[in-house]
């Protein structure tokens, strides 16, 4: 399902397909909110993995629209000063985001960054 969602926006474009190589990881709802806040409000290139409190609150509010059984995937945790096993989804130097879905709704929020 996640690969189909990414495909709707022309991803993946990385040399190695992270869906085929196990590069996408499952996140809890709290982890997904953190990754969304990092991707939306910080620089992936410079290891700024502590997002502003307001960005984290907005990300948590946005995820509330998906039911309790929603699935969240990313290419890394984007916490503790690194991507923690980051696997690229795009051909950019850095990329990160979240793919989420439940039985009714789906989304992808992805950021590409060059240093």
N, C-alpha and C. Protein backbone atom coordinates (compact mmCIF):
# COMPACT_ATOMS: atom_id res chain seq x y z
N UNK A 1 0.82 -1.19 0.00
CA UNK A 1 0.00 0.00 0.00
C UNK A 1 0.87 1.26 0.00
N UNK A 2 1.93 1.30 0.85
CA UNK A 2 2.78 2.48 0.95
C UNK A 2 3.46 2.78 -0.38
N UNK A 3 3.91 1.75 -1.08
CA UNK A 3 4.58 1.97 -2.37
C UNK A 3 3.59 2.55 -3.37
N UNK A 4 2.35 2.12 -3.33
CA UNK A 4 1.33 2.68 -4.23
C UNK A 4 1.06 4.15 -3.91
N UNK A 5 1.05 4.49 -2.63
CA UNK A 5 0.86 5.88 -2.22
C UNK A 5 2.02 6.73 -2.73
N UNK A 6 3.25 6.28 -2.51
CA UNK A 6 4.43 6.99 -3.00
C UNK A 6 4.41 7.11 -4.52
N UNK A 7 3.96 6.07 -5.18
CA UNK A 7 3.90 6.08 -6.64
C UNK A 7 2.99 7.16 -7.19
N UNK A 8 2.00 7.57 -6.42
CA UNK A 8 1.09 8.63 -6.87
C UNK A 8 1.80 9.97 -7.04
N UNK A 9 2.94 10.14 -6.38
CA UNK A 9 3.71 11.38 -6.52
C UNK A 9 5.06 11.12 -7.20
N UNK A 10 5.18 9.98 -7.88
CA UNK A 10 6.37 9.69 -8.67
C UNK A 10 7.56 9.16 -7.88
N UNK A 11 7.34 8.63 -6.69
CA UNK A 11 8.42 8.07 -5.88
C UNK A 11 8.31 6.56 -5.83
N UNK A 12 9.35 5.83 -5.60
CA UNK A 12 10.70 6.29 -5.28
C UNK A 12 11.50 6.63 -6.54
N UNK A 13 12.50 7.49 -6.34
CA UNK A 13 13.44 7.83 -7.41
C UNK A 13 14.87 7.50 -7.01
N UNK A 14 15.08 6.91 -5.86
CA UNK A 14 16.42 6.52 -5.41
C UNK A 14 16.95 5.39 -6.29
N UNK A 15 18.26 5.24 -6.30
CA UNK A 15 18.90 4.18 -7.09
C UNK A 15 18.45 2.80 -6.62
N UNK A 16 18.23 2.65 -5.32
CA UNK A 16 17.75 1.39 -4.75
C UNK A 16 16.36 1.63 -4.17
N UNK A 17 15.41 0.82 -4.56
CA UNK A 17 14.03 0.96 -4.09
C UNK A 17 13.95 0.56 -2.61
N UNK A 18 13.67 1.52 -1.71
CA UNK A 18 13.63 1.19 -0.28
C UNK A 18 12.48 0.25 0.08
N UNK A 19 11.47 0.18 -0.74
CA UNK A 19 10.37 -0.75 -0.46
C UNK A 19 10.81 -2.18 -0.73
N UNK A 20 11.65 -2.35 -1.74
CA UNK A 20 12.13 -3.69 -2.09
C UNK A 20 13.27 -4.14 -1.17
N UNK A 21 14.03 -3.18 -0.64
CA UNK A 21 15.20 -3.54 0.16
C UNK A 21 14.95 -3.47 1.66
N UNK A 22 13.70 -3.29 2.08
CA UNK A 22 13.40 -3.21 3.51
C UNK A 22 13.84 -1.92 4.15
N UNK A 23 14.00 -0.85 3.37
CA UNK A 23 14.47 0.41 3.89
C UNK A 23 13.42 1.25 4.59
N UNK A 24 12.16 0.91 4.42
CA UNK A 24 11.11 1.66 5.09
C UNK A 24 10.82 1.00 6.44
N UNK A 25 10.67 1.83 7.47
CA UNK A 25 10.44 1.31 8.81
C UNK A 25 9.06 1.74 9.32
N UNK A 26 8.48 0.89 10.14
CA UNK A 26 7.20 1.22 10.77
C UNK A 26 7.44 2.14 11.95
N UNK A 27 6.56 3.13 12.08
CA UNK A 27 6.64 4.09 13.17
C UNK A 27 5.37 4.03 14.01
N UNK A 28 5.52 4.34 15.27
CA UNK A 28 4.33 4.56 16.10
C UNK A 28 3.75 5.91 15.71
N UNK A 29 2.57 6.21 16.18
CA UNK A 29 1.95 7.51 15.89
C UNK A 29 2.83 8.65 16.43
N UNK A 30 3.38 8.48 17.63
CA UNK A 30 4.24 9.52 18.22
C UNK A 30 5.51 9.69 17.39
N UNK A 31 6.11 8.59 16.94
CA UNK A 31 7.31 8.68 16.10
C UNK A 31 6.98 9.35 14.76
N UNK A 32 5.82 9.02 14.20
CA UNK A 32 5.41 9.62 12.93
C UNK A 32 5.24 11.13 13.09
N UNK A 33 4.65 11.57 14.20
CA UNK A 33 4.50 13.00 14.44
C UNK A 33 5.86 13.67 14.55
N UNK A 34 6.81 13.02 15.21
CA UNK A 34 8.16 13.58 15.33
C UNK A 34 8.81 13.71 13.95
N UNK A 35 8.73 12.68 13.13
CA UNK A 35 9.35 12.72 11.80
C UNK A 35 8.69 13.80 10.95
N UNK A 36 7.37 13.92 11.01
CA UNK A 36 6.69 14.98 10.26
C UNK A 36 7.16 16.36 10.70
N UNK A 37 7.29 16.56 12.00
CA UNK A 37 7.73 17.85 12.51
C UNK A 37 9.17 18.14 12.11
N UNK A 38 10.03 17.14 12.16
CA UNK A 38 11.42 17.33 11.74
C UNK A 38 11.47 17.66 10.25
N UNK A 39 10.77 16.89 9.44
CA UNK A 39 10.79 17.10 7.98
C UNK A 39 10.19 18.45 7.60
N UNK A 40 9.18 18.88 8.33
CA UNK A 40 8.49 20.11 7.98
C UNK A 40 9.09 21.38 8.56
N UNK A 41 9.92 21.25 9.61
CA UNK A 41 10.35 22.46 10.30
C UNK A 41 11.84 22.56 10.58
N UNK A 42 12.63 21.57 10.14
CA UNK A 42 14.07 21.62 10.40
C UNK A 42 14.84 21.29 9.13
N UNK A 43 16.14 21.26 9.25
CA UNK A 43 17.01 20.89 8.13
C UNK A 43 17.47 19.45 8.30
N UNK A 44 17.17 18.62 7.34
CA UNK A 44 17.65 17.24 7.37
C UNK A 44 19.16 17.18 7.16
N UNK A 45 19.68 18.14 6.40
CA UNK A 45 21.09 18.14 6.04
C UNK A 45 22.00 18.46 7.22
N UNK A 46 21.51 19.19 8.18
CA UNK A 46 22.37 19.64 9.27
C UNK A 46 22.02 19.04 10.62
N UNK A 47 21.31 17.90 10.61
CA UNK A 47 21.08 17.13 11.81
C UNK A 47 20.26 17.83 12.89
N UNK A 48 19.37 18.72 12.50
CA UNK A 48 18.52 19.41 13.45
C UNK A 48 17.27 18.56 13.70
N UNK A 49 17.39 17.59 14.58
CA UNK A 49 16.30 16.63 14.74
C UNK A 49 15.39 16.93 15.92
N UNK A 50 15.53 18.11 16.52
CA UNK A 50 14.63 18.53 17.58
C UNK A 50 13.72 19.61 17.01
N UNK A 51 12.50 19.23 16.62
CA UNK A 51 11.61 20.19 15.98
C UNK A 51 11.02 21.18 17.00
N UNK A 52 10.57 22.32 16.53
CA UNK A 52 9.90 23.26 17.41
C UNK A 52 8.64 22.61 18.02
N UNK A 53 8.33 22.97 19.23
CA UNK A 53 7.17 22.42 19.93
C UNK A 53 5.89 22.62 19.13
N UNK A 54 5.73 23.78 18.53
CA UNK A 54 4.52 24.06 17.75
C UNK A 54 4.41 23.13 16.54
N UNK A 55 5.52 22.83 15.90
CA UNK A 55 5.50 21.93 14.74
C UNK A 55 5.11 20.52 15.17
N UNK A 56 5.61 20.08 16.31
CA UNK A 56 5.26 18.75 16.81
C UNK A 56 3.78 18.68 17.16
N UNK A 57 3.26 19.72 17.77
CA UNK A 57 1.82 19.76 18.11
C UNK A 57 0.96 19.71 16.85
N UNK A 58 1.35 20.48 15.83
CA UNK A 58 0.60 20.48 14.57
C UNK A 58 0.64 19.10 13.91
N UNK A 59 1.80 18.44 13.95
CA UNK A 59 1.92 17.11 13.35
C UNK A 59 1.02 16.12 14.09
N UNK A 60 1.00 16.18 15.40
CA UNK A 60 0.13 15.28 16.18
C UNK A 60 -1.33 15.54 15.85
N UNK A 61 -1.71 16.80 15.73
CA UNK A 61 -3.09 17.13 15.38
C UNK A 61 -3.46 16.60 13.99
N UNK A 62 -2.53 16.72 13.05
CA UNK A 62 -2.78 16.24 11.69
C UNK A 62 -2.97 14.73 11.62
N UNK A 63 -2.22 14.01 12.43
CA UNK A 63 -2.33 12.54 12.42
C UNK A 63 -3.60 12.05 13.11
N UNK A 64 -4.25 12.91 13.87
CA UNK A 64 -5.46 12.51 14.59
C UNK A 64 -6.59 12.14 13.64
N UNK A 65 -6.52 12.56 12.39
CA UNK A 65 -7.56 12.23 11.42
C UNK A 65 -7.54 10.77 10.99
N UNK A 66 -6.42 10.08 11.22
CA UNK A 66 -6.34 8.66 10.88
C UNK A 66 -6.73 7.83 12.10
N UNK A 67 -7.38 6.69 11.85
CA UNK A 67 -7.87 5.89 12.97
C UNK A 67 -6.74 5.26 13.77
N UNK A 68 -7.10 4.64 14.87
CA UNK A 68 -6.12 4.06 15.79
C UNK A 68 -5.31 2.93 15.20
N UNK A 69 -5.77 2.31 14.13
CA UNK A 69 -5.05 1.21 13.49
C UNK A 69 -4.24 1.67 12.28
N UNK A 70 -4.02 2.96 12.15
CA UNK A 70 -3.29 3.49 11.00
C UNK A 70 -1.85 2.98 10.98
N UNK A 71 -1.32 2.90 9.77
CA UNK A 71 0.07 2.49 9.55
C UNK A 71 0.88 3.72 9.16
N UNK A 72 2.06 3.84 9.76
CA UNK A 72 2.96 4.95 9.44
C UNK A 72 4.32 4.37 9.09
N UNK A 73 4.89 4.84 7.98
CA UNK A 73 6.20 4.39 7.51
C UNK A 73 7.09 5.58 7.20
N UNK A 74 8.38 5.39 7.38
CA UNK A 74 9.35 6.41 7.03
C UNK A 74 10.65 5.72 6.62
N UNK A 75 11.61 6.53 6.22
CA UNK A 75 12.91 5.99 5.86
C UNK A 75 13.92 6.16 6.99
N UNK A 76 13.48 6.57 8.16
CA UNK A 76 14.33 6.74 9.33
C UNK A 76 13.54 7.32 10.47
N UNK A 77 14.11 7.29 11.67
CA UNK A 77 13.42 7.87 12.84
C UNK A 77 13.64 9.38 12.94
N UNK A 78 14.75 9.87 12.40
CA UNK A 78 15.10 11.29 12.41
C UNK A 78 15.06 11.85 13.83
N UNK A 79 15.73 11.16 14.71
CA UNK A 79 15.85 11.62 16.09
C UNK A 79 17.23 11.33 16.63
N UNK A 80 17.51 11.79 17.81
CA UNK A 80 18.78 11.53 18.50
C UNK A 80 19.99 11.94 17.67
N UNK A 81 19.87 12.99 16.87
CA UNK A 81 21.01 13.52 16.15
C UNK A 81 21.35 12.84 14.84
N UNK A 82 20.54 11.86 14.42
CA UNK A 82 20.81 11.22 13.13
C UNK A 82 19.52 10.64 12.57
N UNK A 83 19.61 10.14 11.36
CA UNK A 83 18.45 9.52 10.73
C UNK A 83 18.26 8.09 11.21
N UNK A 84 19.17 7.57 12.00
CA UNK A 84 19.07 6.22 12.56
C UNK A 84 18.73 5.18 11.50
N UNK A 85 19.62 4.96 10.58
CA UNK A 85 19.38 3.95 9.56
C UNK A 85 18.65 4.48 8.34
N UNK A 86 18.80 5.75 8.09
CA UNK A 86 18.12 6.39 6.97
C UNK A 86 18.37 5.66 5.67
N UNK A 87 17.31 5.46 4.91
CA UNK A 87 17.37 4.82 3.60
C UNK A 87 16.67 5.76 2.61
N UNK A 88 17.35 6.24 1.58
CA UNK A 88 16.76 7.24 0.69
C UNK A 88 15.57 6.72 -0.13
N UNK A 89 14.61 7.61 -0.29
CA UNK A 89 13.46 7.33 -1.15
C UNK A 89 13.60 8.09 -2.46
N UNK A 90 14.45 9.13 -2.45
CA UNK A 90 14.64 9.95 -3.64
C UNK A 90 16.12 9.98 -4.01
N UNK A 91 16.42 10.65 -5.10
CA UNK A 91 17.81 10.81 -5.54
C UNK A 91 18.48 12.02 -4.90
N UNK A 92 17.79 12.74 -4.01
CA UNK A 92 18.35 13.90 -3.33
C UNK A 92 19.40 13.48 -2.32
N UNK A 93 20.23 14.44 -1.91
CA UNK A 93 21.26 14.17 -0.91
C UNK A 93 20.62 13.72 0.39
N UNK A 94 19.55 14.39 0.81
CA UNK A 94 18.80 14.03 2.01
C UNK A 94 17.33 14.03 1.68
N UNK A 95 16.60 13.10 2.25
CA UNK A 95 15.15 13.12 2.13
C UNK A 95 14.55 12.43 3.35
N UNK A 96 13.33 12.79 3.64
CA UNK A 96 12.66 12.17 4.77
C UNK A 96 11.21 12.59 4.81
N UNK A 97 10.42 11.78 5.47
CA UNK A 97 9.01 12.08 5.59
C UNK A 97 8.25 10.89 6.12
N UNK A 98 6.95 10.94 5.94
CA UNK A 98 6.06 9.90 6.45
C UNK A 98 5.03 9.55 5.39
N UNK A 99 4.76 8.27 5.28
CA UNK A 99 3.63 7.76 4.52
C UNK A 99 2.69 7.17 5.56
N UNK A 100 1.44 7.58 5.53
CA UNK A 100 0.48 7.07 6.50
C UNK A 100 -0.82 6.67 5.82
N UNK A 101 -1.47 5.68 6.38
CA UNK A 101 -2.76 5.26 5.82
C UNK A 101 -3.56 4.45 6.84
N UNK A 102 -4.86 4.52 6.66
CA UNK A 102 -5.78 3.64 7.38
C UNK A 102 -6.75 3.09 6.34
N UNK A 103 -7.88 2.56 6.73
CA UNK A 103 -8.78 1.95 5.75
C UNK A 103 -9.57 2.98 4.93
N UNK A 104 -9.48 4.28 5.28
CA UNK A 104 -10.23 5.31 4.58
C UNK A 104 -9.32 6.35 3.91
N UNK A 105 -8.24 6.72 4.57
CA UNK A 105 -7.42 7.84 4.13
C UNK A 105 -5.96 7.43 3.97
N UNK A 106 -5.24 8.22 3.17
CA UNK A 106 -3.81 7.99 2.98
C UNK A 106 -3.14 9.33 2.69
N UNK A 107 -1.85 9.43 3.06
CA UNK A 107 -1.09 10.64 2.75
C UNK A 107 0.38 10.29 2.61
N UNK A 108 1.10 11.18 1.95
CA UNK A 108 2.55 11.16 1.94
C UNK A 108 3.01 12.60 2.11
N UNK A 109 3.94 12.79 3.04
CA UNK A 109 4.58 14.09 3.24
C UNK A 109 6.07 13.81 3.15
N UNK A 110 6.70 14.31 2.10
CA UNK A 110 8.11 14.00 1.87
C UNK A 110 8.88 15.26 1.54
N UNK A 111 10.09 15.36 2.09
CA UNK A 111 10.94 16.52 1.90
C UNK A 111 12.26 16.06 1.29
N UNK A 112 12.75 16.80 0.30
CA UNK A 112 14.06 16.55 -0.28
C UNK A 112 14.93 17.76 0.00
N UNK A 113 16.19 17.49 0.35
CA UNK A 113 17.10 18.60 0.68
C UNK A 113 18.49 18.31 0.14
N UNK A 114 19.15 19.34 -0.34
CA UNK A 114 20.53 19.26 -0.80
C UNK A 114 21.38 20.09 0.13
N UNK A 115 22.63 19.67 0.34
CA UNK A 115 23.51 20.48 1.18
C UNK A 115 24.51 21.25 0.35
